[in-house]
Amino acid sequence: MKQTATYKDQRFEIVEDLPEVGFYLYVYDKYNNCIADFLQNSEIIAKEFAFEEFNIPIDSWSVTV
């Protein structure tokens, strides 16, 4: 399961790795190229990080398959 959000010309994904690893926040540009990834300890921390660094509202995430 992953969660996605879009803001300006970028798309963001939060994807769970193994439980002992954490969650990755991926940042894609308008051409769908992954330009950054950030490993966080939890989904909540990943969303908070996205808000602090990229101004992605916490409630803008949606679950995708």
PDB file of N, CA and C in Angstrom:
ATOM      1  N   MET A   1       0.847  -1.176   0.000  1.00  0.00           N
ATOM      2  CA  MET A   1       0.000   0.000   0.000  1.00  0.00           C
ATOM      3  C   MET A   1       0.893   1.241   0.000  1.00  0.00           C
ATOM      4  N   LYS A   2       0.498   2.210  -0.777  1.00  0.00           N
ATOM      5  CA  LYS A   2       1.216   3.477  -0.773  1.00  0.00           C
ATOM      6  C   LYS A   2       0.211   4.616  -0.706  1.00  0.00           C
ATOM      7  N   GLN A   3       0.710   5.744  -0.304  1.00  0.00           N
ATOM      8  CA  GLN A   3      -0.112   6.945  -0.250  1.00  0.00           C
ATOM      9  C   GLN A   3       0.522   7.978  -1.163  1.00  0.00           C
ATOM     10  N   THR A   4      -0.323   8.750  -1.826  1.00  0.00           N
ATOM     11  CA  THR A   4       0.174   9.751  -2.757  1.00  0.00           C
ATOM     12  C   THR A   4      -0.448  11.111  -2.474  1.00  0.00           C
ATOM     13  N   ALA A   5       0.279  12.127  -2.875  1.00  0.00           N
ATOM     14  CA  ALA A   5      -0.206  13.505  -2.801  1.00  0.00           C
ATOM     15  C   ALA A   5       0.450  14.271  -3.946  1.00  0.00           C
ATOM     16  N   THR A   6      -0.234  15.286  -4.420  1.00  0.00           N
ATOM     17  CA  THR A   6       0.287  16.144  -5.482  1.00  0.00           C
ATOM     18  C   THR A   6       0.282  17.577  -4.990  1.00  0.00           C
ATOM     19  N   TYR A   7       1.369  18.277  -5.300  1.00  0.00           N
ATOM     20  CA  TYR A   7       1.465  19.669  -4.903  1.00  0.00           C
ATOM     21  C   TYR A   7       2.308  20.391  -5.936  1.00  0.00           C
ATOM     22  N   LYS A   8       1.757  21.456  -6.496  1.00  0.00           N
ATOM     23  CA  LYS A   8       2.392  22.202  -7.577  1.00  0.00           C
ATOM     24  C   LYS A   8       2.718  21.229  -8.699  1.00  0.00           C
ATOM     25  N   ASP A   9       3.967  21.175  -9.145  1.00  0.00           N
ATOM     26  CA  ASP A   9       4.344  20.286 -10.257  1.00  0.00           C
ATOM     27  C   ASP A   9       4.983  18.992  -9.767  1.00  0.00           C
ATOM     28  N   GLN A  10       4.782  18.658  -8.501  1.00  0.00           N
ATOM     29  CA  GLN A  10       5.425  17.468  -7.965  1.00  0.00           C
ATOM     30  C   GLN A  10       4.407  16.471  -7.424  1.00  0.00           C
ATOM     31  N   ARG A  11       4.794  15.198  -7.482  1.00  0.00           N
ATOM     32  CA  ARG A  11       3.995  14.124  -6.903  1.00  0.00           C
ATOM     33  C   ARG A  11       4.820  13.493  -5.796  1.00  0.00           C
ATOM     34  N   PHE A  12       4.145  13.099  -4.739  1.00  0.00           N
ATOM     35  CA  PHE A  12       4.804  12.532  -3.570  1.00  0.00           C
ATOM     36  C   PHE A  12       4.186  11.182  -3.254  1.00  0.00           C
ATOM     37  N   GLU A  13       5.014  10.239  -2.832  1.00  0.00           N
ATOM     38  CA  GLU A  13       4.538   8.924  -2.426  1.00  0.00           C
ATOM     39  C   GLU A  13       5.165   8.549  -1.090  1.00  0.00           C
ATOM     40  N   ILE A  14       4.373   7.911  -0.261  1.00  0.00           N
ATOM     41  CA  ILE A  14       4.879   7.307   0.965  1.00  0.00           C
ATOM     42  C   ILE A  14       4.665   5.807   0.817  1.00  0.00           C
ATOM     43  N   VAL A  15       5.764   5.060   0.905  1.00  0.00           N
ATOM     44  CA  VAL A  15       5.728   3.619   0.706  1.00  0.00           C
ATOM     45  C   VAL A  15       6.423   2.943   1.883  1.00  0.00           C
ATOM     46  N   GLU A  16       5.749   1.927   2.440  1.00  0.00           N
ATOM     47  CA  GLU A  16       6.345   1.197   3.555  1.00  0.00           C
ATOM     48  C   GLU A  16       7.362   0.193   3.039  1.00  0.00           C
ATOM     49  N   ASP A  17       8.537   0.196   3.661  1.00  0.00           N
ATOM     50  CA  ASP A  17       9.537  -0.827   3.407  1.00  0.00           C
ATOM     51  C   ASP A  17       9.276  -1.930   4.426  1.00  0.00           C
ATOM     52  N   LEU A  18      10.230  -2.714   4.751  1.00  0.00           N
ATOM     53  CA  LEU A  18      10.072  -3.693   5.827  1.00  0.00           C
ATOM     54  C   LEU A  18       9.777  -2.965   7.124  1.00  0.00           C
ATOM     55  N   PRO A  19       8.977  -3.545   8.016  1.00  0.00           N
ATOM     56  CA  PRO A  19       8.610  -2.857   9.262  1.00  0.00           C
ATOM     57  C   PRO A  19       9.812  -2.366  10.075  1.00  0.00           C
ATOM     58  N   GLU A  20      10.899  -3.117  10.055  1.00  0.00           N
ATOM     59  CA  GLU A  20      12.076  -2.687  10.824  1.00  0.00           C
ATOM     60  C   GLU A  20      12.887  -1.602  10.106  1.00  0.00           C
ATOM     61  N   VAL A  21      12.541  -1.326   8.850  1.00  0.00           N
ATOM     62  CA  VAL A  21      13.251  -0.294   8.086  1.00  0.00           C
ATOM     63  C   VAL A  21      12.537   1.043   8.203  1.00  0.00           C
ATOM     64  N   GLY A  22      11.252   1.099   7.863  1.00  0.00           N
ATOM     65  CA  GLY A  22      10.494   2.347   7.956  1.00  0.00           C
ATOM     66  C   GLY A  22       9.715   2.645   6.692  1.00  0.00           C
ATOM     67  N   PHE A  23       9.495   3.921   6.442  1.00  0.00           N
ATOM     68  CA  PHE A  23       8.687   4.400   5.324  1.00  0.00           C
ATOM     69  C   PHE A  23       9.525   5.355   4.475  1.00  0.00           C
ATOM     70  N   TYR A  24       9.415   5.198   3.173  1.00  0.00           N
ATOM     71  CA  TYR A  24      10.107   6.101   2.249  1.00  0.00           C
ATOM     72  C   TYR A  24       9.134   7.155   1.739  1.00  0.00           C
ATOM     73  N   LEU A  25       9.602   8.372   1.713  1.00  0.00           N
ATOM     74  CA  LEU A  25       8.898   9.470   1.065  1.00  0.00           C
ATOM     75  C   LEU A  25       9.637   9.738  -0.241  1.00  0.00           C
ATOM     76  N   TYR A  26       8.964   9.485  -1.367  1.00  0.00           N
ATOM     77  CA  TYR A  26       9.544   9.722  -2.680  1.00  0.00           C
ATOM     78  C   TYR A  26       8.980  11.016  -3.249  1.00  0.00           C
ATOM     79  N   VAL A  27       9.847  11.776  -3.934  1.00  0.00           N
ATOM     80  CA  VAL A  27       9.451  13.029  -4.569  1.00  0.00           C
ATOM     81  C   VAL A  27       9.706  12.896  -6.070  1.00  0.00           C
ATOM     82  N   TYR A  28       8.662  13.165  -6.865  1.00  0.00           N
ATOM     83  CA  TYR A  28       8.751  13.071  -8.321  1.00  0.00           C
ATOM     84  C   TYR A  28       8.527  14.444  -8.938  1.00  0.00           C
ATOM     85  N   ASP A  29       9.278  14.731 -10.001  1.00  0.00           N
ATOM     86  CA  ASP A  29       9.080  15.998 -10.702  1.00  0.00           C
ATOM     87  C   ASP A  29       7.918  15.884 -11.693  1.00  0.00           C
ATOM     88  N   LYS A  30       7.672  16.942 -12.438  1.00  0.00           N
ATOM     89  CA  LYS A  30       6.530  16.955 -13.359  1.00  0.00           C
ATOM     90  C   LYS A  30       6.686  15.973 -14.519  1.00  0.00           C
ATOM     91  N   TYR A  31       7.896  15.447 -14.711  1.00  0.00           N
ATOM     92  CA  TYR A  31       8.142  14.455 -15.753  1.00  0.00           C
ATOM     93  C   TYR A  31       8.115  13.023 -15.197  1.00  0.00           C
ATOM     94  N   ASN A  32       7.689  12.890 -13.946  1.00  0.00           N
ATOM     95  CA  ASN A  32       7.576  11.609 -13.254  1.00  0.00           C
ATOM     96  C   ASN A  32       8.933  10.967 -12.953  1.00  0.00           C
ATOM     97  N   ASN A  33       9.974  11.797 -12.851  1.00  0.00           N
ATOM     98  CA  ASN A  33      11.290  11.319 -12.452  1.00  0.00           C
ATOM     99  C   ASN A  33      11.425  11.443 -10.945  1.00  0.00           C
ATOM    100  N   CYS A  34      11.894  10.389 -10.297  1.00  0.00           N
ATOM    101  CA  CYS A  34      12.126  10.461  -8.859  1.00  0.00           C
ATOM    102  C   CYS A  34      13.352  11.334  -8.621  1.00  0.00           C
ATOM    103  N   ILE A  35      13.159  12.429  -7.908  1.00  0.00           N
ATOM    104  CA  ILE A  35      14.257  13.369  -7.699  1.00  0.00           C
ATOM    105  C   ILE A  35      14.804  13.335  -6.271  1.00  0.00           C
ATOM    106  N   ALA A  36      14.081  12.652  -5.368  1.00  0.00           N
ATOM    107  CA  ALA A  36      14.560  12.554  -3.987  1.00  0.00           C
ATOM    108  C   ALA A  36      13.805  11.456  -3.263  1.00  0.00           C
ATOM    109  N   ASP A  37      14.450  10.898  -2.258  1.00  0.00           N
ATOM    110  CA  ASP A  37      13.756   9.972  -1.364  1.00  0.00           C
ATOM    111  C   ASP A  37      14.296  10.171   0.042  1.00  0.00           C
ATOM    112  N   PHE A  38      13.403  10.026   0.994  1.00  0.00           N
ATOM    113  CA  PHE A  38      13.732  10.258   2.398  1.00  0.00           C
ATOM    114  C   PHE A  38      13.186   9.096   3.212  1.00  0.00           C
ATOM    115  N   LEU A  39      14.032   8.476   4.012  1.00  0.00           N
ATOM    116  CA  LEU A  39      13.605   7.383   4.871  1.00  0.00           C
ATOM    117  C   LEU A  39      13.182   7.945   6.220  1.00  0.00           C
ATOM    118  N   GLN A  40      11.972   7.576   6.657  1.00  0.00           N
ATOM    119  CA  GLN A  40      11.436   8.026   7.937  1.00  0.00           C
ATOM    120  C   GLN A  40      11.030   6.804   8.764  1.00  0.00           C
ATOM    121  N   ASN A  41      10.933   6.969  10.068  1.00  0.00           N
ATOM    122  CA  ASN A  41      10.625   5.856  10.962  1.00  0.00           C
ATOM    123  C   ASN A  41       9.170   5.418  10.923  1.00  0.00           C
ATOM    124  N   SER A  42       8.258   6.309  10.556  1.00  0.00           N
ATOM    125  CA  SER A  42       6.839   5.963  10.543  1.00  0.00           C
ATOM    126  C   SER A  42       6.124   6.757   9.457  1.00  0.00           C
ATOM    127  N   GLU A  43       4.904   6.311   9.163  1.00  0.00           N
ATOM    128  CA  GLU A  43       4.076   7.013   8.185  1.00  0.00           C
ATOM    129  C   GLU A  43       3.760   8.430   8.666  1.00  0.00           C
ATOM    130  N   ILE A  44       3.468   8.563   9.929  1.00  0.00           N
ATOM    131  CA  ILE A  44       3.139   9.885  10.493  1.00  0.00           C
ATOM    132  C   ILE A  44       4.329  10.828  10.383  1.00  0.00           C
ATOM    133  N   ILE A  45       5.513  10.332  10.698  1.00  0.00           N
ATOM    134  CA  ILE A  45       6.714  11.166  10.600  1.00  0.00           C
ATOM    135  C   ILE A  45       6.973  11.550   9.146  1.00  0.00           C
ATOM    136  N   ALA A  46       6.738  10.626   8.208  1.00  0.00           N
ATOM    137  CA  ALA A  46       6.918  10.936   6.786  1.00  0.00           C
ATOM    138  C   ALA A  46       5.974  12.048   6.342  1.00  0.00           C
ATOM    139  N   LYS A  47       4.724  11.994   6.798  1.00  0.00           N
ATOM    140  CA  LYS A  47       3.754  13.050   6.450  1.00  0.00           C
ATOM    141  C   LYS A  47       4.143  14.378   7.074  1.00  0.00           C
ATOM    142  N   GLU A  48       4.599  14.352   8.315  1.00  0.00           N
ATOM    143  CA  GLU A  48       5.036  15.586   8.978  1.00  0.00           C
ATOM    144  C   GLU A  48       6.250  16.168   8.278  1.00  0.00           C
ATOM    145  N   PHE A  49       7.181  15.308   7.870  1.00  0.00           N
ATOM    146  CA  PHE A  49       8.364  15.761   7.137  1.00  0.00           C
ATOM    147  C   PHE A  49       7.953  16.402   5.809  1.00  0.00           C
ATOM    148  N   ALA A  50       7.020  15.758   5.090  1.00  0.00           N
ATOM    149  CA  ALA A  50       6.544  16.311   3.817  1.00  0.00           C
ATOM    150  C   ALA A  50       5.896  17.673   4.027  1.00  0.00           C
ATOM    151  N   PHE A  51       5.174  17.827   5.127  1.00  0.00           N
ATOM    152  CA  PHE A  51       4.558  19.120   5.429  1.00  0.00           C
ATOM    153  C   PHE A  51       5.622  20.177   5.723  1.00  0.00           C
ATOM    154  N   GLU A  52       6.596  19.832   6.548  1.00  0.00           N
ATOM    155  CA  GLU A  52       7.639  20.796   6.927  1.00  0.00           C
ATOM    156  C   GLU A  52       8.533  21.184   5.757  1.00  0.00           C
ATOM    157  N   GLU A  53       8.894  20.206   4.930  1.00  0.00           N
ATOM    158  CA  GLU A  53       9.840  20.471   3.840  1.00  0.00           C
ATOM    159  C   GLU A  53       9.185  20.948   2.544  1.00  0.00           C
ATOM    160  N   PHE A  54       7.961  20.471   2.261  1.00  0.00           N
ATOM    161  CA  PHE A  54       7.338  20.735   0.971  1.00  0.00           C
ATOM    162  C   PHE A  54       5.952  21.354   1.063  1.00  0.00           C
ATOM    163  N   ASN A  55       5.473  21.639   2.281  1.00  0.00           N
ATOM    164  CA  ASN A  55       4.157  22.240   2.509  1.00  0.00           C
ATOM    165  C   ASN A  55       2.990  21.362   2.050  1.00  0.00           C
ATOM    166  N   ILE A  56       3.157  20.041   2.099  1.00  0.00           N
ATOM    167  CA  ILE A  56       2.089  19.119   1.725  1.00  0.00           C
ATOM    168  C   ILE A  56       1.136  18.992   2.910  1.00  0.00           C
ATOM    169  N   PRO A  57      -0.113  19.427   2.788  1.00  0.00           N
ATOM    170  CA  PRO A  57      -1.048  19.296   3.908  1.00  0.00           C
ATOM    171  C   PRO A  57      -1.225  17.837   4.330  1.00  0.00           C
ATOM    172  N   ILE A  58      -1.297  17.613   5.613  1.00  0.00           N
ATOM    173  CA  ILE A  58      -1.418  16.258   6.161  1.00  0.00           C
ATOM    174  C   ILE A  58      -2.650  15.547   5.607  1.00  0.00           C
ATOM    175  N   ASP A  59      -3.732  16.274   5.408  1.00  0.00           N
ATOM    176  CA  ASP A  59      -4.979  15.647   4.945  1.00  0.00           C
ATOM    177  C   ASP A  59      -5.068  15.470   3.422  1.00  0.00           C
ATOM    178  N   SER A  60      -3.999  15.787   2.695  1.00  0.00           N
ATOM    179  CA  SER A  60      -4.050  15.672   1.247  1.00  0.00           C
ATOM    180  C   SER A  60      -3.600  14.306   0.721  1.00  0.00           C
ATOM    181  N   TRP A  61      -3.183  13.414   1.608  1.00  0.00           N
ATOM    182  CA  TRP A  61      -2.710  12.096   1.201  1.00  0.00           C
ATOM    183  C   TRP A  61      -3.877  11.164   0.921  1.00  0.00           C
ATOM    184  N   SER A  62      -3.749  10.371  -0.147  1.00  0.00           N
ATOM    185  CA  SER A  62      -4.767   9.372  -0.462  1.00  0.00           C
ATOM    186  C   SER A  62      -4.090   8.015  -0.702  1.00  0.00           C
ATOM    187  N   VAL A  63      -4.790   6.966  -0.329  1.00  0.00           N
ATOM    188  CA  VAL A  63      -4.278   5.613  -0.475  1.00  0.00           C
ATOM    189  C   VAL A  63      -4.458   5.160  -1.911  1.00  0.00           C
ATOM    190  N   THR A  64      -3.400   4.571  -2.482  1.00  0.00           N
ATOM    191  CA  THR A  64      -3.463   4.011  -3.826  1.00  0.00           C
ATOM    192  C   THR A  64      -2.958   2.578  -3.786  1.00  0.00           C
ATOM    193  N   VAL A  65      -3.358   1.829  -4.776  1.00  0.00           N
ATOM    194  CA  VAL A  65      -2.949   0.415  -4.824  1.00  0.00           C
ATOM    195  C   VAL A  65      -1.717   0.267  -5.657  1.00  0.00           C
TER     196      VAL A  65
END
